């Protein structure tokens, strides 16, 4: 999957998932991130500190071809939205400082890599775009000095990049076959087609690995969101396969008893937005959510239970 992420980084026009290196302290997350970034962005590429605002994040995205953020302790909503846009492409127009009318346009679509011990709860739309890499503890007998590691890496860098480009040529040649072979595709269909082509060339089961990792990430998203958790609990115990209700009725049925949890939507409008954002994640678990047209001043949802559809193939 690390090789697949690097291959996607060679295609500037391709939406690509975000590599997420996680694990306990001392598992070489930052060093591994540097090695990955330097294959694509040159031997001096570096991971960067977490930006404090969207303006800072745009500067970080413009500093090189890749964007690596090191040691995240959590992902606030604004950063989650920025990372999601960075992986699939976005543009922002801003007025130049100290001018009345001049406008600067920022456009970015970057190979993004994150490192963290654990970022905690994920927004559903960002979770859909993550590839988690859980780093294992290093045996003290196997540890190497920074000097020796980077000396060997610099010596191998050209061969690594050359091998990647050779592999890319073979994989790109199989891409036209992928569209016909994949009957169901996950989000970021271009990425799925590239994984199929990589499998055709190498025999690596990359598409299946990606689907399993996505299922793991969506499980984490559901576990961290009280609305998603309540809906899966309803799905497991409901006596009907379909539920049509207003947002207020859904709130009344799903909200836990007692004091309102801090992360529960405070209004029906916020609950409606949360249900809409969770729909792709819940659909992977057999819960289909559809917003209904407004009638008589109220708008509701149709929630349907299905058998688990399984991963795209």
Foldseek 3Di string as FASTA:
>chain_A
DLLLLLLQLVDQQAQAFAEEEAADPQLCSQVVVLLSVCLRWNNPDHADEDDDDVVRVLVQQPPTQAYEYEAAQAADPVNLVVVLCQRNKDKDWDADPPDDDHIDMGIHHHHYYYYHNDRAAHQLSNLLRYQYDYGDHDDPVPDDDPVVVSVVSVVCSVVVSVVSVVLSVQLVVCLVVQVVVFPDAGPRRSSLSSQVSSCVVPVDNRNVSRQVSSLVSLVSNLVRAQLSVLVVVCLVPPPDQKDKDFLVVSCVVRQDPDDGDPRDDPDSVVSVVSCVSCQVSVVQVQWHWDKDDDDPNTTIIMIGGDHRPGGGD
